[in-house]
Amino acid sequence: MESKQIEGADFSSTGYSYTLSLIAGKYKPIILYCLMEYEPVRFNQMQRYLGRIADKTLSHCLKELERDGLIHRKMYPEIPPRVEYTLTERGRSLMKVLDQLCTWGIENRP
């Protein structure tokens, strides 16, 4: 079997790198998993699900996921304002990958 040469290779140009850039971090994969299981989810529900997470941190993660087209934020014109988060089609397509991570974890948990 012929091995590939690493000289000239650039990890940042790989699909793996791009995918990781979208879901990297402590909370993004958990947020996506939560939405996959329970959507629509409100901010406070998400915060309770995640446990100890600061408002600012959760807000930042949600904004990045929305910017990257993985989640949708819907604001209802009510007082007090109600905001719900759901997966976009692009986000749903990523669930196949995250579901495989879950399956691997179940099969390899000690």
N, C-alpha and C. Protein backbone atom coordinates (compact mmCIF):
# COMPACT_ATOMS: atom_id res chain seq x y z
N MET A 1 0.84 -1.17 0.00
CA MET A 1 0.00 0.00 0.00
C MET A 1 0.89 1.25 0.00
N GLU A 2 0.61 2.15 -0.90
CA GLU A 2 1.40 3.37 -1.01
C GLU A 2 0.88 4.40 -0.01
N SER A 3 1.82 5.01 0.74
CA SER A 3 1.41 6.02 1.72
C SER A 3 1.46 7.41 1.10
N LYS A 4 0.61 8.28 1.61
CA LYS A 4 0.58 9.66 1.14
C LYS A 4 1.69 10.43 1.81
N GLN A 5 2.15 11.46 1.15
CA GLN A 5 3.18 12.32 1.71
C GLN A 5 2.54 13.52 2.39
N ILE A 6 3.04 13.86 3.56
CA ILE A 6 2.47 14.97 4.31
C ILE A 6 3.02 16.32 3.84
N GLU A 7 4.15 16.33 3.19
CA GLU A 7 4.70 17.58 2.69
C GLU A 7 3.71 18.25 1.75
N GLY A 8 3.44 19.51 2.01
CA GLY A 8 2.52 20.26 1.17
C GLY A 8 1.06 20.08 1.54
N ALA A 9 0.77 19.15 2.44
CA ALA A 9 -0.61 18.94 2.86
C ALA A 9 -1.04 20.08 3.78
N ASP A 10 -2.31 20.44 3.72
CA ASP A 10 -2.84 21.55 4.52
C ASP A 10 -4.16 21.11 5.16
N PHE A 11 -4.13 20.86 6.46
CA PHE A 11 -5.31 20.39 7.17
C PHE A 11 -6.47 21.37 7.05
N SER A 12 -6.17 22.67 7.05
CA SER A 12 -7.25 23.66 7.03
C SER A 12 -8.07 23.62 5.74
N SER A 13 -7.60 22.96 4.72
CA SER A 13 -8.35 22.89 3.47
C SER A 13 -9.19 21.61 3.36
N THR A 14 -9.23 20.83 4.43
CA THR A 14 -9.98 19.57 4.39
C THR A 14 -11.43 19.76 4.84
N GLY A 15 -12.28 18.87 4.41
CA GLY A 15 -13.67 18.88 4.86
C GLY A 15 -13.79 18.63 6.35
N TYR A 16 -12.89 17.82 6.87
CA TYR A 16 -12.87 17.53 8.31
C TYR A 16 -12.64 18.82 9.10
N SER A 17 -11.69 19.62 8.65
CA SER A 17 -11.38 20.88 9.30
C SER A 17 -12.58 21.82 9.28
N TYR A 18 -13.25 21.90 8.13
CA TYR A 18 -14.42 22.77 8.01
C TYR A 18 -15.53 22.33 8.96
N THR A 19 -15.81 21.03 9.00
CA THR A 19 -16.86 20.53 9.88
C THR A 19 -16.54 20.83 11.33
N LEU A 20 -15.29 20.58 11.73
CA LEU A 20 -14.89 20.88 13.11
C LEU A 20 -15.02 22.37 13.43
N SER A 21 -14.74 23.22 12.45
CA SER A 21 -14.84 24.66 12.70
C SER A 21 -16.28 25.08 13.01
N LEU A 22 -17.25 24.34 12.49
CA LEU A 22 -18.65 24.65 12.75
C LEU A 22 -19.14 24.14 14.10
N ILE A 23 -18.60 23.02 14.55
CA ILE A 23 -19.11 22.41 15.78
C ILE A 23 -18.10 22.41 16.92
N ALA A 24 -16.98 23.08 16.73
CA ALA A 24 -15.94 23.09 17.76
C ALA A 24 -16.42 23.80 19.01
N GLY A 25 -15.88 23.37 20.12
CA GLY A 25 -16.21 24.00 21.39
C GLY A 25 -16.91 23.04 22.32
N LYS A 26 -17.04 23.47 23.53
CA LYS A 26 -17.62 22.63 24.58
C LYS A 26 -19.13 22.46 24.42
N TYR A 27 -19.82 23.50 23.93
CA TYR A 27 -21.28 23.49 23.96
C TYR A 27 -21.98 23.30 22.62
N LYS A 28 -21.34 23.64 21.52
CA LYS A 28 -22.05 23.58 20.23
C LYS A 28 -22.59 22.19 19.90
N PRO A 29 -21.80 21.12 20.06
CA PRO A 29 -22.38 19.80 19.75
C PRO A 29 -23.55 19.46 20.68
N ILE A 30 -23.49 19.91 21.93
CA ILE A 30 -24.57 19.62 22.88
C ILE A 30 -25.82 20.42 22.51
N ILE A 31 -25.65 21.65 22.09
CA ILE A 31 -26.78 22.47 21.64
C ILE A 31 -27.45 21.81 20.44
N LEU A 32 -26.65 21.37 19.49
CA LEU A 32 -27.20 20.71 18.30
C LEU A 32 -27.92 19.42 18.67
N TYR A 33 -27.34 18.65 19.58
CA TYR A 33 -27.97 17.41 20.03
C TYR A 33 -29.30 17.71 20.72
N CYS A 34 -29.31 18.73 21.56
CA CYS A 34 -30.54 19.14 22.26
C CYS A 34 -31.63 19.49 21.26
N LEU A 35 -31.28 20.27 20.25
CA LEU A 35 -32.26 20.65 19.24
C LEU A 35 -32.73 19.45 18.42
N MET A 36 -31.83 18.52 18.16
CA MET A 36 -32.20 17.32 17.43
C MET A 36 -33.26 16.53 18.22
N GLU A 37 -33.10 16.47 19.52
CA GLU A 37 -33.99 15.68 20.35
C GLU A 37 -35.29 16.40 20.74
N TYR A 38 -35.23 17.72 20.96
CA TYR A 38 -36.33 18.41 21.61
C TYR A 38 -36.87 19.64 20.91
N GLU A 39 -36.44 19.94 19.69
CA GLU A 39 -36.85 21.21 19.09
C GLU A 39 -38.36 21.36 18.98
N PRO A 40 -38.89 22.58 19.07
CA PRO A 40 -38.18 23.84 19.30
C PRO A 40 -37.80 23.99 20.78
N VAL A 41 -36.72 24.72 21.01
CA VAL A 41 -36.22 24.91 22.37
C VAL A 41 -36.02 26.40 22.61
N ARG A 42 -36.45 26.84 23.78
CA ARG A 42 -36.26 28.23 24.17
C ARG A 42 -34.94 28.38 24.91
N PHE A 43 -34.46 29.63 25.00
CA PHE A 43 -33.16 29.92 25.59
C PHE A 43 -33.05 29.34 27.00
N ASN A 44 -34.03 29.61 27.86
CA ASN A 44 -33.97 29.14 29.25
C ASN A 44 -34.02 27.62 29.34
N GLN A 45 -34.77 26.98 28.46
CA GLN A 45 -34.80 25.52 28.43
C GLN A 45 -33.43 24.97 28.07
N MET A 46 -32.80 25.60 27.09
CA MET A 46 -31.47 25.19 26.65
C MET A 46 -30.47 25.35 27.79
N GLN A 47 -30.57 26.45 28.49
CA GLN A 47 -29.66 26.73 29.59
C GLN A 47 -29.80 25.68 30.70
N ARG A 48 -31.02 25.29 31.01
CA ARG A 48 -31.24 24.24 32.02
C ARG A 48 -30.69 22.90 31.54
N TYR A 49 -30.88 22.61 30.26
CA TYR A 49 -30.40 21.35 29.68
C TYR A 49 -28.87 21.26 29.75
N LEU A 50 -28.20 22.37 29.47
CA LEU A 50 -26.75 22.39 29.45
C LEU A 50 -26.13 22.43 30.84
N GLY A 51 -26.90 22.85 31.82
CA GLY A 51 -26.35 22.94 33.17
C GLY A 51 -25.66 24.27 33.39
N ARG A 52 -24.47 24.23 33.89
CA ARG A 52 -23.74 25.45 34.22
C ARG A 52 -23.14 26.10 32.99
N ILE A 53 -23.88 27.03 32.42
CA ILE A 53 -23.40 27.79 31.28
C ILE A 53 -23.87 29.23 31.47
N ALA A 54 -22.99 30.16 31.26
CA ALA A 54 -23.32 31.57 31.41
C ALA A 54 -24.22 32.02 30.26
N ASP A 55 -25.10 32.98 30.55
CA ASP A 55 -25.97 33.54 29.52
C ASP A 55 -25.17 33.99 28.30
N LYS A 56 -24.08 34.69 28.56
CA LYS A 56 -23.24 35.24 27.49
C LYS A 56 -22.65 34.13 26.63
N THR A 57 -22.19 33.05 27.26
CA THR A 57 -21.60 31.94 26.53
C THR A 57 -22.64 31.25 25.65
N LEU A 58 -23.82 30.98 26.21
CA LEU A 58 -24.87 30.34 25.44
C LEU A 58 -25.31 31.24 24.29
N SER A 59 -25.49 32.50 24.57
CA SER A 59 -25.89 33.45 23.54
C SER A 59 -24.87 33.49 22.40
N HIS A 60 -23.60 33.51 22.75
CA HIS A 60 -22.53 33.54 21.74
C HIS A 60 -22.55 32.28 20.88
N CYS A 61 -22.69 31.12 21.51
CA CYS A 61 -22.74 29.86 20.75
C CYS A 61 -23.94 29.83 19.81
N LEU A 62 -25.10 30.25 20.31
CA LEU A 62 -26.30 30.26 19.48
C LEU A 62 -26.15 31.21 18.29
N LYS A 63 -25.56 32.37 18.52
CA LYS A 63 -25.34 33.32 17.42
C LYS A 63 -24.40 32.75 16.36
N GLU A 64 -23.35 32.05 16.80
CA GLU A 64 -22.43 31.45 15.84
C GLU A 64 -23.10 30.33 15.04
N LEU A 65 -23.88 29.50 15.72
CA LEU A 65 -24.59 28.42 15.02
C LEU A 65 -25.60 28.98 14.03
N GLU A 66 -26.24 30.08 14.41
CA GLU A 66 -27.19 30.73 13.50
C GLU A 66 -26.44 31.34 12.31
N ARG A 67 -25.34 32.02 12.58
CA ARG A 67 -24.52 32.63 11.53
C ARG A 67 -24.05 31.58 10.51
N ASP A 68 -23.71 30.39 11.03
CA ASP A 68 -23.22 29.31 10.16
C ASP A 68 -24.34 28.53 9.48
N GLY A 69 -25.58 28.94 9.71
CA GLY A 69 -26.71 28.33 9.03
C GLY A 69 -27.13 26.98 9.58
N LEU A 70 -26.75 26.66 10.81
CA LEU A 70 -27.10 25.36 11.38
C LEU A 70 -28.38 25.41 12.22
N ILE A 71 -28.70 26.58 12.77
CA ILE A 71 -29.92 26.72 13.55
C ILE A 71 -30.68 27.95 13.09
N HIS A 72 -31.96 27.96 13.42
CA HIS A 72 -32.83 29.09 13.09
C HIS A 72 -33.37 29.67 14.40
N ARG A 73 -33.35 30.97 14.49
CA ARG A 73 -33.87 31.69 15.66
C ARG A 73 -35.17 32.37 15.25
N LYS A 74 -36.25 32.02 15.93
CA LYS A 74 -37.54 32.63 15.62
C LYS A 74 -38.01 33.43 16.83
N MET A 75 -38.23 34.72 16.60
CA MET A 75 -38.68 35.60 17.67
C MET A 75 -40.16 35.90 17.45
N TYR A 76 -40.96 35.71 18.50
CA TYR A 76 -42.38 35.98 18.43
C TYR A 76 -42.66 37.38 18.98
N PRO A 77 -43.54 38.14 18.34
CA PRO A 77 -43.84 39.50 18.79
C PRO A 77 -44.77 39.50 19.99
N GLU A 78 -44.24 39.10 21.12
CA GLU A 78 -45.02 39.02 22.35
C GLU A 78 -44.29 39.79 23.44
N ILE A 79 -44.99 40.06 24.51
CA ILE A 79 -44.36 40.67 25.68
C ILE A 79 -44.65 39.75 26.85
N PRO A 80 -43.63 39.20 27.50
CA PRO A 80 -42.21 39.33 27.16
C PRO A 80 -41.89 38.57 25.87
N PRO A 81 -40.82 38.96 25.19
CA PRO A 81 -40.47 38.31 23.92
C PRO A 81 -40.20 36.82 24.11
N ARG A 82 -40.67 36.05 23.14
CA ARG A 82 -40.43 34.61 23.16
C ARG A 82 -39.58 34.28 21.95
N VAL A 83 -38.48 33.54 22.19
CA VAL A 83 -37.57 33.15 21.12
C VAL A 83 -37.42 31.64 21.17
N GLU A 84 -37.53 31.00 20.02
CA GLU A 84 -37.35 29.56 19.92
C GLU A 84 -36.26 29.26 18.89
N TYR A 85 -35.53 28.18 19.16
CA TYR A 85 -34.46 27.75 18.27
C TYR A 85 -34.81 26.38 17.70
N THR A 86 -34.54 26.22 16.41
CA THR A 86 -34.74 24.95 15.71
C THR A 86 -33.55 24.72 14.80
N LEU A 87 -33.41 23.49 14.34
CA LEU A 87 -32.38 23.17 13.36
C LEU A 87 -32.84 23.60 11.97
N THR A 88 -31.90 24.06 11.16
CA THR A 88 -32.18 24.30 9.75
C THR A 88 -31.98 22.97 9.01
N GLU A 89 -32.30 22.96 7.73
CA GLU A 89 -32.04 21.75 6.94
C GLU A 89 -30.55 21.42 6.96
N ARG A 90 -29.73 22.45 6.88
CA ARG A 90 -28.27 22.25 6.94
C ARG A 90 -27.88 21.64 8.27
N GLY A 91 -28.47 22.12 9.35
CA GLY A 91 -28.21 21.58 10.68
C GLY A 91 -28.67 20.13 10.79
N ARG A 92 -29.84 19.84 10.22
CA ARG A 92 -30.34 18.46 10.25
C ARG A 92 -29.41 17.51 9.51
N SER A 93 -28.81 18.00 8.43
CA SER A 93 -27.90 17.14 7.67
C SER A 93 -26.66 16.78 8.48
N LEU A 94 -26.29 17.62 9.43
CA LEU A 94 -25.15 17.36 10.30
C LEU A 94 -25.50 16.34 11.38
N MET A 95 -26.77 16.12 11.63
CA MET A 95 -27.18 15.19 12.69
C MET A 95 -26.75 13.76 12.39
N LYS A 96 -26.61 13.41 11.13
CA LYS A 96 -26.13 12.08 10.77
C LYS A 96 -24.74 11.85 11.36
N VAL A 97 -23.91 12.88 11.27
CA VAL A 97 -22.55 12.80 11.79
C VAL A 97 -22.57 12.72 13.32
N LEU A 98 -23.34 13.60 13.96
CA LEU A 98 -23.40 13.60 15.43
C LEU A 98 -24.04 12.33 15.96
N ASP A 99 -25.00 11.78 15.22
CA ASP A 99 -25.63 10.53 15.62
C ASP A 99 -24.62 9.38 15.61
N GLN A 100 -23.71 9.41 14.65
CA GLN A 100 -22.65 8.39 14.60
C GLN A 100 -21.71 8.52 15.80
N LEU A 101 -21.43 9.75 16.23
CA LEU A 101 -20.62 9.95 17.43
C LEU A 101 -21.32 9.34 18.64
N CYS A 102 -22.63 9.53 18.71
CA CYS A 102 -23.42 8.98 19.81
C CYS A 102 -23.36 7.45 19.78
N THR A 103 -23.54 6.88 18.62
CA THR A 103 -23.50 5.41 18.48
C THR A 103 -22.14 4.88 18.90
N TRP A 104 -21.08 5.53 18.46
CA TRP A 104 -19.74 5.11 18.84
C TRP A 104 -19.57 5.16 20.35
N GLY A 105 -20.06 6.22 20.97
CA GLY A 105 -19.96 6.36 22.43
C GLY A 105 -20.70 5.26 23.17
N ILE A 106 -21.87 4.89 22.67
CA ILE A 106 -22.64 3.82 23.31
C ILE A 106 -21.90 2.49 23.17
N GLU A 107 -21.36 2.23 21.99
CA GLU A 107 -20.68 0.96 21.73
C GLU A 107 -19.34 0.85 22.43
N ASN A 108 -18.70 1.97 22.77
CA ASN A 108 -17.36 1.94 23.34
C ASN A 108 -17.27 2.44 24.76
N ARG A 109 -18.39 2.71 25.38
CA ARG A 109 -18.40 3.16 26.78
C ARG A 109 -17.97 2.00 27.68
N PRO A 110 -17.04 2.28 28.61
CA PRO A 110 -16.59 1.20 29.52
C PRO A 110 -17.68 0.78 30.48
